[in-house]
Amino acid sequence: MKIRTDFVTNSSSSSYVVARKGELTEKQKNLIIDYVIKECFREKLEISVEEIDTYLKLMAEVEKSGGRCKEMYECKSCPGARLCDMNYRDYELRSIRDALVKGMDVYTGIVSFECNEGNNANMMEKVWDILEKNNNGNFIGIDTDLSY
């Protein structure tokens, strides 16, 4: 039971107490790992190198002409429309492309900062940092800065 002894405004943190005897079981460890993987690798991005190349080529043409994309192409018929809607920056698309060329899967997701989600963001950033620092070529953090 928590007892507030002072004025608290819309607090976004809360304390907790847990107890554990001995080490975690293999099942507990695997369940934690499954949870972390689900949180840190939410949705596999279904995109191809060819789609990225087409989009980057179209955007280079638009930039070279000094025009705006909507003036040159009808969005619905534009081969780059899907990527345009995703709002990735060029450097992110180039990094995604490089990862795909290396045979990697790319994952994307959104972290909400409502309620307790900030803790998830901190956890996710720490996990990604661990993966980067202990990397054998199987992880690339493309856009892992969750600050807002």
C-alpha atoms as a PDB file:
ATOM      1  CA  MET A   1       0.000   0.000   0.000  1.00  0.00           C
ATOM      2  CA  LYS A   2       1.359   3.408  -0.932  1.00  0.00           C
ATOM      3  CA  ILE A   3       0.765   6.400   1.285  1.00  0.00           C
ATOM      4  CA  ARG A   4       1.342   9.882  -0.109  1.00  0.00           C
ATOM      5  CA  THR A   5       2.571  12.210   2.627  1.00  0.00           C
ATOM      6  CA  ASP A   6       3.081  15.318   0.527  1.00  0.00           C
ATOM      7  CA  PHE A   7       1.474  17.127  -2.392  1.00  0.00           C
ATOM      8  CA  VAL A   8       1.939  15.151  -5.611  1.00  0.00           C
ATOM      9  CA  THR A   9       1.192  16.527  -9.042  1.00  0.00           C
ATOM     10  CA  ASN A  10       0.473  14.171 -11.887  1.00  0.00           C
ATOM     11  CA  SER A  11       3.479  12.037 -10.965  1.00  0.00           C
ATOM     12  CA  SER A  12       4.796   9.683 -13.613  1.00  0.00           C
ATOM     13  CA  SER A  13       6.791   7.490 -11.261  1.00  0.00           C
ATOM     14  CA  SER A  14       6.029   5.046  -8.524  1.00  0.00           C
ATOM     15  CA  SER A  15       8.147   2.941  -6.211  1.00  0.00           C
ATOM     16  CA  TYR A  16       8.012  -0.814  -5.941  1.00  0.00           C
ATOM     17  CA  VAL A  17       9.290  -3.644  -3.765  1.00  0.00           C
ATOM     18  CA  VAL A  18      10.004  -7.181  -5.008  1.00  0.00           C
ATOM     19  CA  ALA A  19      11.577 -10.290  -3.489  1.00  0.00           C
ATOM     20  CA  ARG A  20      13.475 -13.099  -5.140  1.00  0.00           C
ATOM     21  CA  LYS A  21      15.078 -16.253  -3.792  1.00  0.00           C
ATOM     22  CA  GLY A  22      18.114 -17.480  -5.677  1.00  0.00           C
ATOM     23  CA  GLU A  23      18.739 -17.025  -9.362  1.00  0.00           C
ATOM     24  CA  LEU A  24      16.086 -16.715 -12.022  1.00  0.00           C
ATOM     25  CA  THR A  25      15.056 -19.976 -13.643  1.00  0.00           C
ATOM     26  CA  GLU A  26      15.792 -20.568 -17.332  1.00  0.00           C
ATOM     27  CA  LYS A  27      12.065 -20.233 -18.036  1.00  0.00           C
ATOM     28  CA  GLN A  28      11.953 -16.851 -16.243  1.00  0.00           C
ATOM     29  CA  LYS A  29      15.022 -15.657 -18.156  1.00  0.00           C
ATOM     30  CA  ASN A  30      13.541 -16.785 -21.465  1.00  0.00           C
ATOM     31  CA  LEU A  31      10.229 -15.045 -20.707  1.00  0.00           C
ATOM     32  CA  ILE A  32      12.078 -11.816 -19.864  1.00  0.00           C
ATOM     33  CA  ILE A  33      14.122 -12.099 -23.051  1.00  0.00           C
ATOM     34  CA  ASP A  34      10.923 -12.696 -25.065  1.00  0.00           C
ATOM     35  CA  TYR A  35       9.354  -9.593 -23.514  1.00  0.00           C
ATOM     36  CA  VAL A  36      12.405  -7.421 -24.195  1.00  0.00           C
ATOM     37  CA  ILE A  37      12.595  -8.644 -27.797  1.00  0.00           C
ATOM     38  CA  LYS A  38       8.884  -7.885 -28.268  1.00  0.00           C
ATOM     39  CA  GLU A  39       9.362  -4.345 -26.886  1.00  0.00           C
ATOM     40  CA  CYS A  40      12.641  -3.527 -28.685  1.00  0.00           C
ATOM     41  CA  PHE A  41      11.839  -5.137 -32.048  1.00  0.00           C
ATOM     42  CA  ARG A  42       8.158  -4.371 -32.464  1.00  0.00           C
ATOM     43  CA  GLU A  43       7.309  -4.443 -36.152  1.00  0.00           C
ATOM     44  CA  LYS A  44       9.372  -5.839 -38.988  1.00  0.00           C
ATOM     45  CA  LEU A  45       9.652  -3.219 -41.715  1.00  0.00           C
ATOM     46  CA  GLU A  46       8.523  -4.734 -45.001  1.00  0.00           C
ATOM     47  CA  ILE A  47      10.616  -2.846 -47.503  1.00  0.00           C
ATOM     48  CA  SER A  48      13.044  -3.749 -50.263  1.00  0.00           C
ATOM     49  CA  VAL A  49      16.361  -2.356 -51.437  1.00  0.00           C
ATOM     50  CA  GLU A  50      14.738  -1.717 -54.808  1.00  0.00           C
ATOM     51  CA  GLU A  51      11.937   0.336 -53.256  1.00  0.00           C
ATOM     52  CA  ILE A  52      14.468   2.462 -51.364  1.00  0.00           C
ATOM     53  CA  ASP A  53      16.605   2.926 -54.495  1.00  0.00           C
ATOM     54  CA  THR A  54      13.558   3.990 -56.529  1.00  0.00           C
ATOM     55  CA  TYR A  55      12.503   6.481 -53.853  1.00  0.00           C
ATOM     56  CA  LEU A  56      15.987   7.988 -53.438  1.00  0.00           C
ATOM     57  CA  LYS A  57      16.323   8.329 -57.220  1.00  0.00           C
ATOM     58  CA  LEU A  58      12.935  10.068 -57.456  1.00  0.00           C
ATOM     59  CA  MET A  59      13.816  12.450 -54.616  1.00  0.00           C
ATOM     60  CA  ALA A  60      17.161  13.264 -56.285  1.00  0.00           C
ATOM     61  CA  GLU A  61      15.273  14.115 -59.504  1.00  0.00           C
ATOM     62  CA  VAL A  62      12.843  16.319 -57.578  1.00  0.00           C
ATOM     63  CA  GLU A  63      15.691  18.112 -55.793  1.00  0.00           C
ATOM     64  CA  LYS A  64      17.665  18.563 -59.015  1.00  0.00           C
ATOM     65  CA  SER A  65      14.664  20.119 -60.750  1.00  0.00           C
ATOM     66  CA  GLY A  66      14.052  22.445 -57.816  1.00  0.00           C
ATOM     67  CA  GLY A  67      10.452  21.293 -57.806  1.00  0.00           C
ATOM     68  CA  ARG A  68       8.250  19.838 -55.177  1.00  0.00           C
ATOM     69  CA  CYS A  69       7.336  16.183 -55.347  1.00  0.00           C
ATOM     70  CA  LYS A  70       3.578  16.780 -55.598  1.00  0.00           C
ATOM     71  CA  GLU A  71       4.136  19.064 -58.588  1.00  0.00           C
ATOM     72  CA  MET A  72       6.021  16.351 -60.485  1.00  0.00           C
ATOM     73  CA  TYR A  73       4.020  13.254 -59.622  1.00  0.00           C
ATOM     74  CA  GLU A  74       0.525  12.310 -58.617  1.00  0.00           C
ATOM     75  CA  CYS A  75       1.072  10.834 -55.152  1.00  0.00           C
ATOM     76  CA  LYS A  76      -1.153   7.794 -55.693  1.00  0.00           C
ATOM     77  CA  SER A  77       0.683   6.756 -58.856  1.00  0.00           C
ATOM     78  CA  CYS A  78       4.147   7.702 -57.622  1.00  0.00           C
ATOM     79  CA  PRO A  79       6.375   4.657 -57.030  1.00  0.00           C
ATOM     80  CA  GLY A  80       7.828   6.396 -53.977  1.00  0.00           C
ATOM     81  CA  ALA A  81       4.503   7.278 -52.341  1.00  0.00           C
ATOM     82  CA  ARG A  82       4.654   4.557 -49.668  1.00  0.00           C
ATOM     83  CA  LEU A  83       8.117   5.628 -48.504  1.00  0.00           C
ATOM     84  CA  CYS A  84       7.124   9.277 -48.684  1.00  0.00           C
ATOM     85  CA  ASP A  85       4.293   8.517 -46.245  1.00  0.00           C
ATOM     86  CA  MET A  86       6.737   6.829 -43.840  1.00  0.00           C
ATOM     87  CA  ASN A  87       8.649  10.086 -43.315  1.00  0.00           C
ATOM     88  CA  TYR A  88      12.117   8.549 -43.079  1.00  0.00           C
ATOM     89  CA  ARG A  89      15.094  10.855 -43.525  1.00  0.00           C
ATOM     90  CA  ASP A  90      17.460  10.078 -46.402  1.00  0.00           C
ATOM     91  CA  TYR A  91      20.265   8.998 -44.055  1.00  0.00           C
ATOM     92  CA  GLU A  92      17.858   6.610 -42.292  1.00  0.00           C
ATOM     93  CA  LEU A  93      16.806   5.115 -45.618  1.00  0.00           C
ATOM     94  CA  ARG A  94      20.455   4.678 -46.630  1.00  0.00           C
ATOM     95  CA  SER A  95      21.153   2.939 -43.298  1.00  0.00           C
ATOM     96  CA  ILE A  96      18.057   0.753 -43.699  1.00  0.00           C
ATOM     97  CA  ARG A  97      19.212  -0.094 -47.234  1.00  0.00           C
ATOM     98  CA  ASP A  98      22.703  -1.008 -45.982  1.00  0.00           C
ATOM     99  CA  ALA A  99      21.201  -3.283 -43.319  1.00  0.00           C
ATOM    100  CA  LEU A 100      18.971  -5.009 -45.895  1.00  0.00           C
ATOM    101  CA  VAL A 101      21.936  -5.540 -48.224  1.00  0.00           C
ATOM    102  CA  LYS A 102      23.718  -7.254 -45.287  1.00  0.00           C
ATOM    103  CA  GLY A 103      20.758  -9.636 -44.991  1.00  0.00           C
ATOM    104  CA  MET A 104      19.410  -8.050 -41.808  1.00  0.00           C
ATOM    105  CA  ASP A 105      15.769  -7.560 -40.835  1.00  0.00           C
ATOM    106  CA  VAL A 106      14.782  -3.980 -39.931  1.00  0.00           C
ATOM    107  CA  TYR A 107      12.285  -3.251 -37.168  1.00  0.00           C
ATOM    108  CA  THR A 108      10.365  -0.118 -36.326  1.00  0.00           C
ATOM    109  CA  GLY A 109       8.063   1.070 -33.584  1.00  0.00           C
ATOM    110  CA  ILE A 110       6.790   3.998 -31.591  1.00  0.00           C
ATOM    111  CA  VAL A 111       7.339   4.651 -27.902  1.00  0.00           C
ATOM    112  CA  SER A 112       4.671   6.642 -26.109  1.00  0.00           C
ATOM    113  CA  PHE A 113       5.781   8.783 -23.187  1.00  0.00           C
ATOM    114  CA  GLU A 114       2.376   8.688 -21.513  1.00  0.00           C
ATOM    115  CA  CYS A 115       2.135   7.045 -18.110  1.00  0.00           C
ATOM    116  CA  ASN A 116       5.039   4.644 -17.607  1.00  0.00           C
ATOM    117  CA  GLU A 117       6.309   4.342 -21.172  1.00  0.00           C
ATOM    118  CA  GLY A 118       9.363   6.501 -20.421  1.00  0.00           C
ATOM    119  CA  ASN A 119      10.744   3.581 -18.447  1.00  0.00           C
ATOM    120  CA  ASN A 120      10.263   1.362 -21.499  1.00  0.00           C
ATOM    121  CA  ALA A 121      12.159   3.915 -23.569  1.00  0.00           C
ATOM    122  CA  ASN A 122      15.042   3.877 -21.089  1.00  0.00           C
ATOM    123  CA  MET A 123      15.059   0.086 -21.072  1.00  0.00           C
ATOM    124  CA  MET A 124      14.968  -0.067 -24.863  1.00  0.00           C
ATOM    125  CA  GLU A 125      17.848   2.426 -25.206  1.00  0.00           C
ATOM    126  CA  LYS A 126      19.929   0.413 -22.705  1.00  0.00           C
ATOM    127  CA  VAL A 127      19.235  -2.856 -24.543  1.00  0.00           C
ATOM    128  CA  TRP A 128      20.168  -1.284 -27.883  1.00  0.00           C
ATOM    129  CA  ASP A 129      23.334   0.152 -26.320  1.00  0.00           C
ATOM    130  CA  ILE A 130      24.293  -3.301 -25.011  1.00  0.00           C
ATOM    131  CA  LEU A 131      23.646  -4.801 -28.460  1.00  0.00           C
ATOM    132  CA  GLU A 132      25.785  -2.092 -30.136  1.00  0.00           C
ATOM    133  CA  LYS A 133      28.680  -2.539 -27.699  1.00  0.00           C
ATOM    134  CA  ASN A 134      28.614  -6.351 -27.895  1.00  0.00           C
ATOM    135  CA  ASN A 135      28.009  -6.531 -31.593  1.00  0.00           C
ATOM    136  CA  ASN A 136      29.323  -9.256 -33.866  1.00  0.00           C
ATOM    137  CA  GLY A 137      27.815  -7.679 -36.963  1.00  0.00           C
ATOM    138  CA  ASN A 138      24.244  -8.697 -36.130  1.00  0.00           C
ATOM    139  CA  PHE A 139      22.879  -5.362 -34.883  1.00  0.00           C
ATOM    140  CA  ILE A 140      22.773  -1.779 -36.147  1.00  0.00           C
ATOM    141  CA  GLY A 141      21.013   0.991 -34.251  1.00  0.00           C
ATOM    142  CA  ILE A 142      19.673   3.172 -37.078  1.00  0.00           C
ATOM    143  CA  ASP A 143      17.521   5.638 -35.121  1.00  0.00           C
ATOM    144  CA  THR A 144      17.592   4.694 -31.448  1.00  0.00           C
ATOM    145  CA  ASP A 145      17.413   8.137 -29.837  1.00  0.00           C
ATOM    146  CA  LEU A 146      14.049   8.138 -28.069  1.00  0.00           C
ATOM    147  CA  SER A 147      14.383  11.562 -26.490  1.00  0.00           C
ATOM    148  CA  TYR A 148      11.694  14.047 -27.388  1.00  0.00           C
END
